[in-house]
Amino acid sequence: MNILLIHQNFPGQYKHLGPALTARGNRVLALTPKVKTSHQWQGVEVVPYVMNRSSSKDIHRGLAIWNQKLSALRAVLMLR
């Protein structure tokens, strides 16, 4: 099975799950902005993505986290 993990601070809470899934024969791909180059980590293929964060000072505080998550989504979708 192919499994995709996306985490802004990989491995984060996936530090045990990712290697356990690969040990069961799964292909695990992790996307994170915390690395500069692709590499293998305990059987998990780790691939970087780059976020282009918007720096709008006028955005409502309650929307700031949604803006950040949408920026991450855009970056991941551009990896093709």
PDB file of N, CA and C in Angstrom:
ATOM      1  N   MET A   1       0.840  -1.162   0.000  1.00  0.00           N
ATOM      2  CA  MET A   1       0.000   0.000   0.000  1.00  0.00           C
ATOM      3  C   MET A   1       0.898   1.242   0.000  1.00  0.00           C
ATOM      4  N   ASN A   2       0.470   2.285  -0.687  1.00  0.00           N
ATOM      5  CA  ASN A   2       1.168   3.565  -0.682  1.00  0.00           C
ATOM      6  C   ASN A   2       0.515   4.485   0.341  1.00  0.00           C
ATOM      7  N   ILE A   3       1.335   5.064   1.206  1.00  0.00           N
ATOM      8  CA  ILE A   3       0.824   5.934   2.269  1.00  0.00           C
ATOM      9  C   ILE A   3       1.532   7.270   2.189  1.00  0.00           C
ATOM     10  N   LEU A   4       0.751   8.349   2.247  1.00  0.00           N
ATOM     11  CA  LEU A   4       1.284   9.701   2.200  1.00  0.00           C
ATOM     12  C   LEU A   4       1.081  10.368   3.551  1.00  0.00           C
ATOM     13  N   LEU A   5       2.177  10.884   4.118  1.00  0.00           N
ATOM     14  CA  LEU A   5       2.124  11.657   5.356  1.00  0.00           C
ATOM     15  C   LEU A   5       2.558  13.080   5.029  1.00  0.00           C
ATOM     16  N   ILE A   6       1.792  14.063   5.466  1.00  0.00           N
ATOM     17  CA  ILE A   6       2.154  15.461   5.268  1.00  0.00           C
ATOM     18  C   ILE A   6       2.189  16.106   6.644  1.00  0.00           C
ATOM     19  N   HIS A   7       3.348  16.645   7.003  1.00  0.00           N
ATOM     20  CA  HIS A   7       3.492  17.243   8.331  1.00  0.00           C
ATOM     21  C   HIS A   7       4.506  18.382   8.263  1.00  0.00           C
ATOM     22  N   GLN A   8       4.138  19.521   8.825  1.00  0.00           N
ATOM     23  CA  GLN A   8       5.014  20.688   8.771  1.00  0.00           C
ATOM     24  C   GLN A   8       6.274  20.517   9.610  1.00  0.00           C
ATOM     25  N   ASN A   9       6.296  19.525  10.469  1.00  0.00           N
ATOM     26  CA  ASN A   9       7.457  19.303  11.334  1.00  0.00           C
ATOM     27  C   ASN A   9       7.785  17.811  11.394  1.00  0.00           C
ATOM     28  N   PHE A  10       7.789  17.151  10.225  1.00  0.00           N
ATOM     29  CA  PHE A  10       8.024  15.716  10.169  1.00  0.00           C
ATOM     30  C   PHE A  10       9.365  15.361  10.796  1.00  0.00           C
ATOM     31  N   PRO A  11       9.473  14.299  11.601  1.00  0.00           N
ATOM     32  CA  PRO A  11       8.491  13.263  11.779  1.00  0.00           C
ATOM     33  C   PRO A  11       7.401  13.572  12.799  1.00  0.00           C
ATOM     34  N   GLY A  12       7.626  14.511  13.700  1.00  0.00           N
ATOM     35  CA  GLY A  12       6.572  14.872  14.645  1.00  0.00           C
ATOM     36  C   GLY A  12       5.920  13.652  15.265  1.00  0.00           C
ATOM     37  N   GLN A  13       4.598  13.629  15.280  1.00  0.00           N
ATOM     38  CA  GLN A  13       3.894  12.502  15.891  1.00  0.00           C
ATOM     39  C   GLN A  13       3.950  11.239  15.035  1.00  0.00           C
ATOM     40  N   TYR A  14       4.551  11.329  13.841  1.00  0.00           N
ATOM     41  CA  TYR A  14       4.663  10.156  12.977  1.00  0.00           C
ATOM     42  C   TYR A  14       5.990   9.415  13.163  1.00  0.00           C
ATOM     43  N   LYS A  15       6.784   9.780  14.158  1.00  0.00           N
ATOM     44  CA  LYS A  15       8.115   9.183  14.292  1.00  0.00           C
ATOM     45  C   LYS A  15       8.081   7.675  14.517  1.00  0.00           C
ATOM     46  N   HIS A  16       7.007   7.157  15.058  1.00  0.00           N
ATOM     47  CA  HIS A  16       6.876   5.704  15.239  1.00  0.00           C
ATOM     48  C   HIS A  16       6.010   5.081  14.142  1.00  0.00           C
ATOM     49  N   LEU A  17       5.001   5.808  13.713  1.00  0.00           N
ATOM     50  CA  LEU A  17       4.058   5.281  12.720  1.00  0.00           C
ATOM     51  C   LEU A  17       4.719   5.059  11.364  1.00  0.00           C
ATOM     52  N   GLY A  18       5.464   6.045  10.874  1.00  0.00           N
ATOM     53  CA  GLY A  18       6.097   5.913   9.560  1.00  0.00           C
ATOM     54  C   GLY A  18       6.977   4.680   9.446  1.00  0.00           C
ATOM     55  N   PRO A  19       7.965   4.498  10.353  1.00  0.00           N
ATOM     56  CA  PRO A  19       8.802   3.300  10.284  1.00  0.00           C
ATOM     57  C   PRO A  19       8.018   2.003  10.483  1.00  0.00           C
ATOM     58  N   ALA A  20       6.991   2.021  11.328  1.00  0.00           N
ATOM     59  CA  ALA A  20       6.186   0.809  11.542  1.00  0.00           C
ATOM     60  C   ALA A  20       5.439   0.424  10.269  1.00  0.00           C
ATOM     61  N   LEU A  21       4.944   1.417   9.537  1.00  0.00           N
ATOM     62  CA  LEU A  21       4.237   1.130   8.287  1.00  0.00           C
ATOM     63  C   LEU A  21       5.174   0.581   7.225  1.00  0.00           C
ATOM     64  N   THR A  22       6.396   1.108   7.164  1.00  0.00           N
ATOM     65  CA  THR A  22       7.350   0.572   6.186  1.00  0.00           C
ATOM     66  C   THR A  22       7.777  -0.844   6.569  1.00  0.00           C
ATOM     67  N   ALA A  23       7.877  -1.115   7.864  1.00  0.00           N
ATOM     68  CA  ALA A  23       8.244  -2.465   8.322  1.00  0.00           C
ATOM     69  C   ALA A  23       7.186  -3.497   7.921  1.00  0.00           C
ATOM     70  N   ARG A  24       5.962  -3.042   7.713  1.00  0.00           N
ATOM     71  CA  ARG A  24       4.880  -3.943   7.276  1.00  0.00           C
ATOM     72  C   ARG A  24       4.815  -4.077   5.757  1.00  0.00           C
ATOM     73  N   GLY A  25       5.781  -3.476   5.069  1.00  0.00           N
ATOM     74  CA  GLY A  25       5.847  -3.611   3.625  1.00  0.00           C
ATOM     75  C   GLY A  25       5.181  -2.505   2.840  1.00  0.00           C
ATOM     76  N   ASN A  26       4.743  -1.449   3.514  1.00  0.00           N
ATOM     77  CA  ASN A  26       4.118  -0.325   2.826  1.00  0.00           C
ATOM     78  C   ASN A  26       5.171   0.640   2.301  1.00  0.00           C
ATOM     79  N   ARG A  27       4.840   1.353   1.253  1.00  0.00           N
ATOM     80  CA  ARG A  27       5.671   2.455   0.768  1.00  0.00           C
ATOM     81  C   ARG A  27       5.134   3.716   1.428  1.00  0.00           C
ATOM     82  N   VAL A  28       5.978   4.412   2.189  1.00  0.00           N
ATOM     83  CA  VAL A  28       5.555   5.603   2.911  1.00  0.00           C
ATOM     84  C   VAL A  28       6.328   6.805   2.382  1.00  0.00           C
ATOM     85  N   LEU A  29       5.589   7.826   1.988  1.00  0.00           N
ATOM     86  CA  LEU A  29       6.148   9.084   1.502  1.00  0.00           C
ATOM     87  C   LEU A  29       5.730  10.177   2.467  1.00  0.00           C
ATOM     88  N   ALA A  30       6.699  10.949   2.954  1.00  0.00           N
ATOM     89  CA  ALA A  30       6.416  12.044   3.874  1.00  0.00           C
ATOM     90  C   ALA A  30       6.810  13.361   3.228  1.00  0.00           C
ATOM     91  N   LEU A  31       5.891  14.315   3.217  1.00  0.00           N
ATOM     92  CA  LEU A  31       6.155  15.646   2.685  1.00  0.00           C
ATOM     93  C   LEU A  31       6.300  16.618   3.850  1.00  0.00           C
ATOM     94  N   THR A  32       7.358  17.420   3.823  1.00  0.00           N
ATOM     95  CA  THR A  32       7.617  18.372   4.900  1.00  0.00           C
ATOM     96  C   THR A  32       8.436  19.554   4.386  1.00  0.00           C
ATOM     97  N   PRO A  33       8.189  20.744   4.929  1.00  0.00           N
ATOM     98  CA  PRO A  33       9.018  21.891   4.549  1.00  0.00           C
ATOM     99  C   PRO A  33      10.292  21.973   5.386  1.00  0.00           C
ATOM    100  N   LYS A  34      10.513  21.053   6.310  1.00  0.00           N
ATOM    101  CA  LYS A  34      11.645  21.122   7.238  1.00  0.00           C
ATOM    102  C   LYS A  34      12.947  20.557   6.685  1.00  0.00           C
ATOM    103  N   VAL A  35      12.941  19.974   5.488  1.00  0.00           N
ATOM    104  CA  VAL A  35      14.172  19.441   4.902  1.00  0.00           C
ATOM    105  C   VAL A  35      14.454  20.163   3.595  1.00  0.00           C
ATOM    106  N   LYS A  36      15.710  20.143   3.186  1.00  0.00           N
ATOM    107  CA  LYS A  36      16.119  20.810   1.945  1.00  0.00           C
ATOM    108  C   LYS A  36      16.162  19.857   0.753  1.00  0.00           C
ATOM    109  N   THR A  37      16.485  18.588   1.017  1.00  0.00           N
ATOM    110  CA  THR A  37      16.608  17.610  -0.067  1.00  0.00           C
ATOM    111  C   THR A  37      15.868  16.327   0.300  1.00  0.00           C
ATOM    112  N   SER A  38      15.494  15.580  -0.710  1.00  0.00           N
ATOM    113  CA  SER A  38      14.832  14.292  -0.493  1.00  0.00           C
ATOM    114  C   SER A  38      15.828  13.303   0.099  1.00  0.00           C
ATOM    115  N   HIS A  39      15.343  12.447   0.986  1.00  0.00           N
ATOM    116  CA  HIS A  39      16.189  11.416   1.580  1.00  0.00           C
ATOM    117  C   HIS A  39      15.316  10.331   2.206  1.00  0.00           C
ATOM    118  N   GLN A  40      15.961   9.242   2.582  1.00  0.00           N
ATOM    119  CA  GLN A  40      15.291   8.141   3.275  1.00  0.00           C
ATOM    120  C   GLN A  40      15.532   8.304   4.771  1.00  0.00           C
ATOM    121  N   TRP A  41      14.489   8.102   5.548  1.00  0.00           N
ATOM    122  CA  TRP A  41      14.592   8.130   7.005  1.00  0.00           C
ATOM    123  C   TRP A  41      13.851   6.919   7.555  1.00  0.00           C
ATOM    124  N   GLN A  42      14.576   5.980   8.098  1.00  0.00           N
ATOM    125  CA  GLN A  42      14.018   4.757   8.664  1.00  0.00           C
ATOM    126  C   GLN A  42      13.012   4.092   7.725  1.00  0.00           C
ATOM    127  N   GLY A  43      13.346   4.077   6.435  1.00  0.00           N
ATOM    128  CA  GLY A  43      12.492   3.448   5.434  1.00  0.00           C
ATOM    129  C   GLY A  43      11.453   4.365   4.817  1.00  0.00           C
ATOM    130  N   VAL A  44      11.281   5.546   5.379  1.00  0.00           N
ATOM    131  CA  VAL A  44      10.307   6.514   4.873  1.00  0.00           C
ATOM    132  C   VAL A  44      11.005   7.445   3.888  1.00  0.00           C
ATOM    133  N   GLU A  45      10.383   7.645   2.722  1.00  0.00           N
ATOM    134  CA  GLU A  45      10.922   8.583   1.743  1.00  0.00           C
ATOM    135  C   GLU A  45      10.449   9.986   2.132  1.00  0.00           C
ATOM    136  N   VAL A  46      11.397  10.858   2.479  1.00  0.00           N
ATOM    137  CA  VAL A  46      11.081  12.208   2.935  1.00  0.00           C
ATOM    138  C   VAL A  46      11.367  13.187   1.793  1.00  0.00           C
ATOM    139  N   VAL A  47      10.358  13.986   1.435  1.00  0.00           N
ATOM    140  CA  VAL A  47      10.458  14.906   0.304  1.00  0.00           C
ATOM    141  C   VAL A  47      10.090  16.315   0.777  1.00  0.00           C
ATOM    142  N   PRO A  48      10.908  17.311   0.424  1.00  0.00           N
ATOM    143  CA  PRO A  48      10.601  18.675   0.846  1.00  0.00           C
ATOM    144  C   PRO A  48       9.558  19.348  -0.035  1.00  0.00           C
ATOM    145  N   TYR A  49       8.864  20.295   0.553  1.00  0.00           N
ATOM    146  CA  TYR A  49       8.059  21.235  -0.225  1.00  0.00           C
ATOM    147  C   TYR A  49       8.321  22.624   0.332  1.00  0.00           C
ATOM    148  N   VAL A  50       8.144  23.634  -0.501  1.00  0.00           N
ATOM    149  CA  VAL A  50       8.436  25.012  -0.117  1.00  0.00           C
ATOM    150  C   VAL A  50       7.141  25.791  -0.046  1.00  0.00           C
ATOM    151  N   MET A  51       6.912  26.395   1.103  1.00  0.00           N
ATOM    152  CA  MET A  51       5.708  27.213   1.284  1.00  0.00           C
ATOM    153  C   MET A  51       6.009  28.665   0.936  1.00  0.00           C
ATOM    154  N   ASN A  52       5.136  29.250   0.145  1.00  0.00           N
ATOM    155  CA  ASN A  52       5.201  30.679  -0.136  1.00  0.00           C
ATOM    156  C   ASN A  52       4.182  31.344   0.777  1.00  0.00           C
ATOM    157  N   ARG A  53       4.642  31.746   1.930  1.00  0.00           N
ATOM    158  CA  ARG A  53       3.723  32.311   2.921  1.00  0.00           C
ATOM    159  C   ARG A  53       3.349  33.735   2.542  1.00  0.00           C
ATOM    160  N   SER A  54       2.057  34.010   2.670  1.00  0.00           N
ATOM    161  CA  SER A  54       1.630  35.386   2.456  1.00  0.00           C
ATOM    162  C   SER A  54       1.863  36.151   3.755  1.00  0.00           C
ATOM    163  N   SER A  55       2.206  37.394   3.633  1.00  0.00           N
ATOM    164  CA  SER A  55       2.533  38.177   4.818  1.00  0.00           C
ATOM    165  C   SER A  55       1.544  39.333   4.994  1.00  0.00           C
ATOM    166  N   SER A  56       0.283  39.031   4.845  1.00  0.00           N
ATOM    167  CA  SER A  56      -0.738  40.053   4.989  1.00  0.00           C
ATOM    168  C   SER A  56      -0.896  40.435   6.452  1.00  0.00           C
ATOM    169  N   LYS A  57      -0.630  41.687   6.747  1.00  0.00           N
ATOM    170  CA  LYS A  57      -0.770  42.174   8.118  1.00  0.00           C
ATOM    171  C   LYS A  57      -2.221  42.490   8.439  1.00  0.00           C
ATOM    172  N   ASP A  58      -3.045  42.604   7.409  1.00  0.00           N
ATOM    173  CA  ASP A  58      -4.436  42.985   7.604  1.00  0.00           C
ATOM    174  C   ASP A  58      -5.373  41.798   7.800  1.00  0.00           C
ATOM    175  N   ILE A  59      -4.838  40.581   7.768  1.00  0.00           N
ATOM    176  CA  ILE A  59      -5.695  39.409   7.902  1.00  0.00           C
ATOM    177  C   ILE A  59      -6.177  39.264   9.357  1.00  0.00           C
ATOM    178  N   HIS A  60      -7.407  38.875   9.506  1.00  0.00           N
ATOM    179  CA  HIS A  60      -7.979  38.662  10.842  1.00  0.00           C
ATOM    180  C   HIS A  60      -7.230  37.541  11.545  1.00  0.00           C
ATOM    181  N   ARG A  61      -6.972  37.710  12.835  1.00  0.00           N
ATOM    182  CA  ARG A  61      -6.241  36.714  13.601  1.00  0.00           C
ATOM    183  C   ARG A  61      -6.855  35.331  13.502  1.00  0.00           C
ATOM    184  N   GLY A  62      -8.170  35.271  13.490  1.00  0.00           N
ATOM    185  CA  GLY A  62      -8.858  33.988  13.411  1.00  0.00           C
ATOM    186  C   GLY A  62      -8.687  33.287  12.074  1.00  0.00           C
ATOM    187  N   LEU A  63      -8.323  34.030  11.047  1.00  0.00           N
ATOM    188  CA  LEU A  63      -8.125  33.440   9.725  1.00  0.00           C
ATOM    189  C   LEU A  63      -6.659  33.142   9.424  1.00  0.00           C
ATOM    190  N   ALA A  64      -5.762  33.590  10.269  1.00  0.00           N
ATOM    191  CA  ALA A  64      -4.330  33.427  10.005  1.00  0.00           C
ATOM    192  C   ALA A  64      -3.937  31.960   9.865  1.00  0.00           C
ATOM    193  N   ILE A  65      -4.458  31.092  10.730  1.00  0.00           N
ATOM    194  CA  ILE A  65      -4.090  29.675  10.647  1.00  0.00           C
ATOM    195  C   ILE A  65      -4.626  29.040   9.368  1.00  0.00           C
ATOM    196  N   TRP A  66      -5.815  29.434   8.942  1.00  0.00           N
ATOM    197  CA  TRP A  66      -6.371  28.916   7.683  1.00  0.00           C
ATOM    198  C   TRP A  66      -5.535  29.379   6.509  1.00  0.00           C
ATOM    199  N   ASN A  67      -5.064  30.602   6.565  1.00  0.00           N
ATOM    200  CA  ASN A  67      -4.206  31.125   5.514  1.00  0.00           C
ATOM    201  C   ASN A  67      -2.906  30.319   5.442  1.00  0.00           C
ATOM    202  N   GLN A  68      -2.350  29.988   6.590  1.00  0.00           N
ATOM    203  CA  GLN A  68      -1.128  29.190   6.639  1.00  0.00           C
ATOM    204  C   GLN A  68      -1.370  27.791   6.063  1.00  0.00           C
ATOM    205  N   LYS A  69      -2.472  27.160   6.432  1.00  0.00           N
ATOM    206  CA  LYS A  69      -2.773  25.807   5.946  1.00  0.00           C
ATOM    207  C   LYS A  69      -3.021  25.798   4.437  1.00  0.00           C
ATOM    208  N   LEU A  70      -3.697  26.830   3.928  1.00  0.00           N
ATOM    209  CA  LEU A  70      -3.919  26.928   2.487  1.00  0.00           C
ATOM    210  C   LEU A  70      -2.606  27.129   1.734  1.00  0.00           C
ATOM    211  N   SER A  71      -1.678  27.874   2.325  1.00  0.00           N
ATOM    212  CA  SER A  71      -0.361  28.053   1.709  1.00  0.00           C
ATOM    213  C   SER A  71       0.368  26.721   1.616  1.00  0.00           C
ATOM    214  N   ALA A  72       0.272  25.903   2.666  1.00  0.00           N
ATOM    215  CA  ALA A  72       0.900  24.573   2.650  1.00  0.00           C
ATOM    216  C   ALA A  72       0.251  23.693   1.597  1.00  0.00           C
ATOM    217  N   LEU A  73      -1.064  23.734   1.511  1.00  0.00           N
ATOM    218  CA  LEU A  73      -1.780  22.937   0.509  1.00  0.00           C
ATOM    219  C   LEU A  73      -1.350  23.328  -0.905  1.00  0.00           C
ATOM    220  N   ARG A  74      -1.276  24.609  -1.172  1.00  0.00           N
ATOM    221  CA  ARG A  74      -0.817  25.068  -2.498  1.00  0.00           C
ATOM    222  C   ARG A  74       0.573  24.551  -2.801  1.00  0.00           C
ATOM    223  N   ALA A  75       1.478  24.607  -1.821  1.00  0.00           N
ATOM    224  CA  ALA A  75       2.845  24.134  -2.027  1.00  0.00           C
ATOM    225  C   ALA A  75       2.891  22.651  -2.324  1.00  0.00           C
ATOM    226  N   VAL A  76       2.112  21.858  -1.605  1.00  0.00           N
ATOM    227  CA  VAL A  76       2.093  20.402  -1.811  1.00  0.00           C
ATOM    228  C   VAL A  76       1.510  20.079  -3.184  1.00  0.00           C
ATOM    229  N   LEU A  77       0.466  20.774  -3.583  1.00  0.00           N
ATOM    230  CA  LEU A  77      -0.143  20.508  -4.882  1.00  0.00           C
ATOM    231  C   LEU A  77       0.779  20.869  -6.040  1.00  0.00           C
ATOM    232  N   MET A  78       1.706  21.775  -5.811  1.00  0.00           N
ATOM    233  CA  MET A  78       2.627  22.189  -6.864  1.00  0.00           C
ATOM    234  C   MET A  78       3.800  21.217  -7.031  1.00  0.00           C
ATOM    235  N   LEU A  79       3.897  20.174  -6.228  1.00  0.00           N
ATOM    236  CA  LEU A  79       5.009  19.232  -6.300  1.00  0.00           C
ATOM    237  C   LEU A  79       5.007  18.347  -7.543  1.00  0.00           C
ATOM    238  N   ARG A  80       3.903  18.247  -8.191  1.00  0.00           N
ATOM    239  CA  ARG A  80       3.815  17.337  -9.348  1.00  0.00           C
ATOM    240  C   ARG A  80       4.972  17.529 -10.208  1.00  0.00           C
TER     241      ARG A  80
END
